[in-house]
Protein backbone atom coordinates (compact mmCIF):
# COMPACT_ATOMS: atom_id res chain seq x y z
CA MET A 1 24.03 -48.12 90.15
CA SER A 2 24.15 -51.80 91.01
CA GLY A 3 21.85 -54.49 89.67
CA LYS A 4 19.97 -54.61 86.38
CA ARG A 5 20.48 -51.82 83.86
CA VAL A 6 17.90 -49.06 84.08
CA THR A 7 16.30 -49.70 80.70
CA SER A 8 16.27 -53.48 81.24
CA LEU A 9 14.50 -52.91 84.54
CA LEU A 10 11.91 -50.72 82.84
CA THR A 11 11.21 -53.05 79.93
CA SER A 12 10.83 -56.05 82.26
CA THR A 13 8.28 -54.28 84.48
CA PHE A 14 4.49 -53.98 84.01
CA GLY A 15 4.37 -56.40 81.09
CA SER A 16 0.58 -56.38 80.78
CA LEU A 17 0.51 -52.57 80.67
CA PHE A 18 3.21 -52.62 78.00
CA ASP A 19 1.25 -55.09 75.86
CA ARG A 20 -1.89 -52.97 76.07
CA ALA A 21 0.10 -49.88 75.11
CA THR A 22 1.91 -51.46 72.15
CA LYS A 23 -0.67 -53.94 70.80
CA HIS A 24 -3.67 -51.67 70.86
CA PRO A 25 -6.68 -52.32 68.54
CA PHE A 26 -5.87 -49.07 66.71
CA LEU A 27 -2.46 -50.48 65.76
CA LYS A 28 -3.98 -53.72 64.52
CA ALA A 29 -6.52 -51.80 62.46
CA ALA A 30 -3.70 -49.62 61.10
CA GLY A 31 -1.81 -52.70 59.99
CA GLN A 32 -4.94 -54.04 58.30
CA GLY A 33 -5.63 -50.80 56.43
CA GLN A 34 -8.87 -50.23 58.35
CA ILE A 35 -8.23 -46.76 59.78
CA SER A 36 -10.28 -44.07 58.04
CA LYS A 37 -8.86 -40.71 57.03
CA THR A 38 -11.08 -39.09 59.66
CA ILE A 39 -9.71 -41.16 62.55
CA LEU A 40 -6.15 -40.93 61.25
CA SER A 41 -6.45 -37.15 60.96
CA GLU A 42 -7.72 -36.87 64.54
CA TRP A 43 -4.85 -38.95 65.84
CA LEU A 44 -2.17 -37.23 63.72
CA ALA A 45 -3.38 -33.81 64.87
CA GLN A 46 -2.82 -34.84 68.48
CA ASP A 47 0.46 -36.62 67.74
CA ARG A 48 1.72 -33.43 66.09
CA LEU A 49 0.90 -31.47 69.26
CA TYR A 50 2.74 -34.18 71.21
CA ALA A 51 5.76 -33.73 68.93
CA GLN A 52 5.76 -29.99 69.51
CA SER A 53 5.79 -30.51 73.30
CA TYR A 54 8.59 -33.06 72.80
CA ILE A 55 10.77 -30.21 71.54
CA ARG A 56 10.28 -28.28 74.77
CA PHE A 57 11.00 -31.44 76.77
CA ILE A 58 14.30 -31.99 74.96
CA GLY A 59 15.19 -28.37 75.66
CA LEU A 60 14.61 -28.92 79.37
CA LEU A 61 16.81 -32.02 79.33
CA LEU A 62 19.58 -30.18 77.48
CA SER A 63 19.55 -27.54 80.21
CA LYS A 64 20.49 -30.26 82.71
CA VAL A 65 23.58 -31.43 80.78
CA CYS A 66 26.90 -30.12 82.11
CA LEU A 67 29.49 -30.44 79.35
CA PRO A 68 33.13 -30.69 80.50
CA SER A 69 35.11 -27.48 80.53
CA GLY A 70 38.61 -27.05 79.18
CA ASN A 71 40.22 -27.31 75.78
CA PRO A 72 38.66 -30.21 73.83
CA ASN A 73 41.85 -30.52 71.76
CA THR A 74 43.63 -31.95 74.79
CA ARG A 75 41.16 -34.85 74.88
CA LYS A 76 41.20 -35.94 71.25
CA SER A 77 42.30 -39.47 72.05
CA GLN A 78 39.71 -39.93 74.77
CA GLU A 79 36.23 -41.38 74.47
CA PRO A 80 33.35 -38.90 74.67
CA THR A 81 32.17 -38.31 78.21
CA THR A 82 28.73 -39.44 79.34
CA GLU A 83 27.60 -35.81 79.29
CA GLN A 84 28.77 -35.42 75.69
CA ARG A 85 26.95 -38.60 74.68
CA VAL A 86 23.76 -37.41 76.36
CA PHE A 87 24.11 -34.04 74.64
CA ASP A 88 24.65 -35.70 71.25
CA ILE A 89 21.61 -37.99 71.51
CA LEU A 90 19.40 -35.09 72.61
CA VAL A 91 20.53 -33.00 69.66
CA GLU A 92 19.88 -36.00 67.42
CA ALA A 93 16.37 -36.21 68.91
CA LEU A 94 15.76 -32.56 68.07
CA VAL A 95 16.93 -33.01 64.48
CA GLY A 96 14.73 -36.10 64.23
CA ILE A 97 11.59 -34.36 65.48
CA GLN A 98 12.20 -31.49 63.05
CA SER A 99 12.22 -34.00 60.20
CA GLU A 100 9.18 -35.71 61.71
CA LEU A 101 7.10 -32.54 61.69
CA ARG A 102 7.96 -31.95 58.03
CA PHE A 103 7.08 -35.57 57.31
CA PHE A 104 3.68 -35.05 58.96
CA GLU A 105 2.96 -32.04 56.79
CA SER A 106 4.10 -33.55 53.49
CA THR A 107 2.25 -36.83 54.03
CA ALA A 108 -0.90 -35.06 55.22
CA ALA A 109 -0.87 -32.93 52.05
CA GLU A 110 -0.31 -35.99 49.84
CA TYR A 111 -3.18 -38.00 51.33
CA GLY A 112 -5.61 -35.22 52.19
CA LEU A 113 -5.31 -35.49 55.98
CA ASP A 114 -6.26 -32.70 58.39
CA LEU A 115 -3.62 -31.85 60.99
CA THR A 116 -6.04 -29.66 62.90
CA ALA A 117 -8.88 -32.19 63.09
CA LEU A 118 -10.95 -32.07 66.25
CA PRO A 119 -11.54 -35.24 68.28
CA ARG A 120 -14.95 -36.77 67.61
CA ASP A 121 -16.32 -35.98 71.07
CA GLU A 122 -15.70 -32.27 70.49
CA VAL A 123 -17.28 -32.36 67.04
CA GLU A 124 -20.33 -34.01 68.60
CA GLY A 125 -20.56 -31.28 71.23
CA GLU A 126 -19.18 -33.17 74.22
CA GLY A 127 -15.84 -31.37 74.31
CA THR A 128 -14.88 -28.03 75.76
CA ASN A 129 -15.47 -25.40 73.08
CA GLY A 130 -14.77 -26.87 69.66
CA ILE A 131 -11.46 -25.01 69.35
CA PHE A 132 -8.51 -27.10 68.19
CA GLY A 133 -6.01 -27.96 70.89
CA PRO A 134 -4.66 -30.82 73.00
CA SER A 135 -7.09 -33.54 74.03
CA PRO A 136 -7.12 -34.43 77.76
CA ILE A 137 -4.67 -37.29 77.16
CA THR A 138 -2.38 -35.16 75.00
CA ARG A 139 -2.47 -32.48 77.70
CA ALA A 140 -1.58 -35.13 80.28
CA TYR A 141 1.40 -36.17 78.12
CA ILE A 142 2.51 -32.54 77.81
CA ASP A 143 2.26 -32.19 81.59
CA LEU A 144 4.31 -35.36 82.01
CA PHE A 145 7.05 -33.94 79.80
CA MET A 146 7.10 -30.67 81.70
CA SER A 147 7.26 -32.52 85.03
CA ALA A 148 10.00 -34.89 83.86
CA GLY A 149 12.07 -31.93 82.68
CA SER A 150 11.55 -29.79 85.76
CA ALA A 151 14.35 -28.63 88.04
CA GLY A 152 13.68 -31.12 90.82
CA VAL A 153 13.91 -34.16 88.54
CA SER A 154 17.24 -35.82 87.77
CA LEU A 155 18.64 -36.06 84.25
CA LEU A 156 18.47 -39.86 84.56
CA GLU A 157 14.74 -39.70 85.25
CA GLY A 158 14.21 -37.39 82.28
CA MET A 159 16.24 -39.63 79.99
CA SER A 160 14.27 -42.65 81.23
CA VAL A 161 11.05 -40.89 80.24
CA LEU A 162 12.49 -40.08 76.81
CA PHE A 163 13.60 -43.68 76.34
CA ALA A 164 10.23 -44.99 77.52
CA THR A 165 8.28 -42.90 75.01
CA GLU A 166 10.54 -43.73 72.07
CA TYR A 167 10.81 -47.43 72.92
CA CYS A 168 7.03 -47.81 73.25
CA TYR A 169 6.47 -45.94 69.99
CA LEU A 170 8.92 -48.16 68.13
CA GLN A 171 7.47 -51.39 69.51
CA ALA A 172 3.91 -50.26 68.78
CA TRP A 173 4.62 -49.54 65.14
CA LYS A 174 6.69 -52.69 64.73
CA TYR A 175 3.56 -54.54 65.84
CA ALA A 176 1.51 -52.63 63.25
CA ALA A 177 4.16 -53.47 60.63
CA PHE A 178 3.90 -57.17 61.53
CA ILE A 179 0.11 -57.02 61.16
CA SER A 180 0.49 -55.22 57.82
CA MET A 181 2.87 -57.86 56.51
CA SER A 182 0.62 -60.67 57.70
CA THR A 183 -2.43 -59.01 56.13
CA SER A 184 -0.69 -58.51 52.78
CA THR A 185 0.53 -62.11 52.76
CA THR A 186 -2.92 -63.47 53.60
CA THR A 187 -4.83 -61.35 51.08
CA GLY A 188 -2.22 -61.39 48.35
CA LEU A 189 -2.48 -57.62 48.03
CA VAL A 190 1.20 -56.91 48.53
CA GLY A 191 1.94 -53.39 47.35
CA ASP A 192 -1.70 -52.66 46.41
CA LEU A 193 -2.85 -50.41 49.25
CA ASP A 194 -5.14 -48.03 47.33
CA THR A 195 -8.18 -49.74 48.83
CA ASP A 196 -7.06 -49.03 52.41
CA ALA A 197 -9.51 -46.82 54.30
CA ASP A 198 -6.91 -44.03 54.48
CA GLY A 199 -5.77 -44.40 50.88
CA GLY A 200 -2.59 -46.15 51.98
CA ALA A 201 -1.09 -43.39 54.13
CA LEU A 202 -0.40 -45.61 57.13
CA ARG A 203 0.90 -48.68 55.34
CA ARG A 204 2.85 -46.80 52.67
CA LYS A 205 4.26 -43.96 54.75
CA PHE A 206 3.71 -43.87 58.48
CA ILE A 207 4.19 -47.51 59.49
CA PRO A 208 7.43 -47.98 57.47
CA ASN A 209 8.80 -44.72 58.89
CA TRP A 210 8.03 -45.51 62.53
CA SER A 211 9.14 -49.15 62.38
CA SER A 212 12.31 -48.46 60.38
CA LEU A 213 15.79 -49.72 61.15
CA GLU A 214 16.96 -46.10 61.35
CA PHE A 215 14.48 -45.34 64.13
CA GLU A 216 15.34 -48.58 65.91
CA GLN A 217 19.03 -47.70 65.86
CA PHE A 218 18.25 -44.31 67.38
CA VAL A 219 16.30 -46.00 70.19
CA LEU A 220 19.21 -48.37 70.81
CA ARG A 221 21.63 -45.44 71.07
CA LEU A 222 19.24 -43.72 73.45
CA GLN A 223 19.03 -46.91 75.49
CA ASP A 224 22.81 -47.17 75.75
CA VAL A 225 23.22 -43.56 76.85
CA THR A 226 20.46 -43.86 79.45
CA ASP A 227 22.06 -47.00 80.87
CA GLU A 228 25.46 -45.32 80.89
CA LEU A 229 23.98 -42.40 82.82
CA GLY A 230 22.33 -44.81 85.25
CA GLY A 231 25.62 -46.59 85.82
CA ARG A 232 27.11 -43.40 87.21
CA VAL A 233 24.73 -43.16 90.17
CA LYS A 234 26.80 -43.66 93.32
CA GLY A 235 25.73 -45.65 96.35
CA ALA A 236 23.29 -48.53 96.74
CA GLU A 237 20.65 -46.48 98.53
CA GLU A 238 20.73 -43.65 96.01
CA GLY A 239 20.71 -46.20 93.20
CA GLU A 240 17.57 -47.86 94.53
CA ARG A 241 15.89 -44.52 94.94
CA GLU A 242 16.66 -43.50 91.36
CA ARG A 243 15.56 -46.87 89.99
CA GLY A 244 12.28 -46.59 91.84
CA LYS A 245 11.64 -43.13 90.39
CA CYS A 246 12.43 -44.32 86.87
CA VAL A 247 10.02 -47.25 87.21
CA GLY A 248 7.35 -44.80 88.36
CA TRP A 249 7.84 -42.70 85.23
CA TRP A 250 7.76 -45.84 83.08
CA LYS A 251 4.37 -46.81 84.50
CA GLN A 252 3.00 -43.33 83.78
CA VAL A 253 4.21 -43.49 80.18
CA LEU A 254 2.58 -46.90 79.66
CA TRP A 255 -0.70 -45.63 81.08
CA LEU A 256 -0.68 -42.64 78.73
CA GLU A 257 0.50 -44.60 75.70
CA GLU A 258 -2.45 -46.97 75.91
CA ARG A 259 -4.91 -44.09 76.07
CA PHE A 260 -3.24 -41.98 73.40
CA TRP A 261 -4.41 -44.38 70.68
CA PRO A 262 -7.95 -43.74 69.36
CA GLN A 263 -10.68 -46.20 70.25
CA VAL A 264 -11.66 -48.28 67.22
CA GLU A 265 -13.70 -51.38 66.56
CA VAL A 266 -11.87 -54.09 64.64
CA ASP A 267 -12.15 -57.77 63.94
CA ILE A 268 -10.42 -59.47 66.88
CA ASP A 269 -10.06 -62.83 65.15
CA GLY A 270 -6.76 -64.05 63.84
CA ASP A 271 -3.22 -64.36 65.09
CA GLU A 272 -1.72 -61.05 66.21
CA GLY A 273 1.75 -62.44 66.76
């Protein structure tokens, strides 16, 4: 595929949508320790459902990978094929989400968070039936995953969706980490997070985990594999068509990411970086 790398094309497109998705008021409030246990529980409950659908999405992508046949011992001196690299990063994603779900449960137990909390509109009687399940936005994300993994969608498109979700998640929590650091420096409360509205769960556990170097390195590996896969598309016309589809998926992810964060009221003064 000629021209700009797929992931570079994505991350340079729809800048205002990206900023709204990754510098949301919820993330600022999280970095300032202003998210209550109630709001955090509601969001975590939905994010956990998202994570469970992520597993099915990865399974659909794995079904599209065609590993090379033949005796692998005859290729010991060769670099892994693109298919092998895609397979490896998808398996890594599965292992990561397994650890993530355990992390959700252990942190929720430690801080008294409810992983089956209903969204506020359902508690107040404006929802469907008061039974725990995906919110409309979570359901839309699940539908996106199922569509991006369906038979008529290329592996490159699916990998672009996976990259888009992970990249946005990383950048969002890096923003929250920046706000947390700035808040601690300004208030002089470095390390003393017991007064946070959630008891310190976000700034002690979740933000460090989701803005970590380990997670960033995973996203970079995912980016490289996606670009490598994109580079194998043959023909200028086919390349343009695939790039256009990937950009379309990117826009959908940004739209959903912005709306996946809970609506909160926070102080808008101050430098957000």
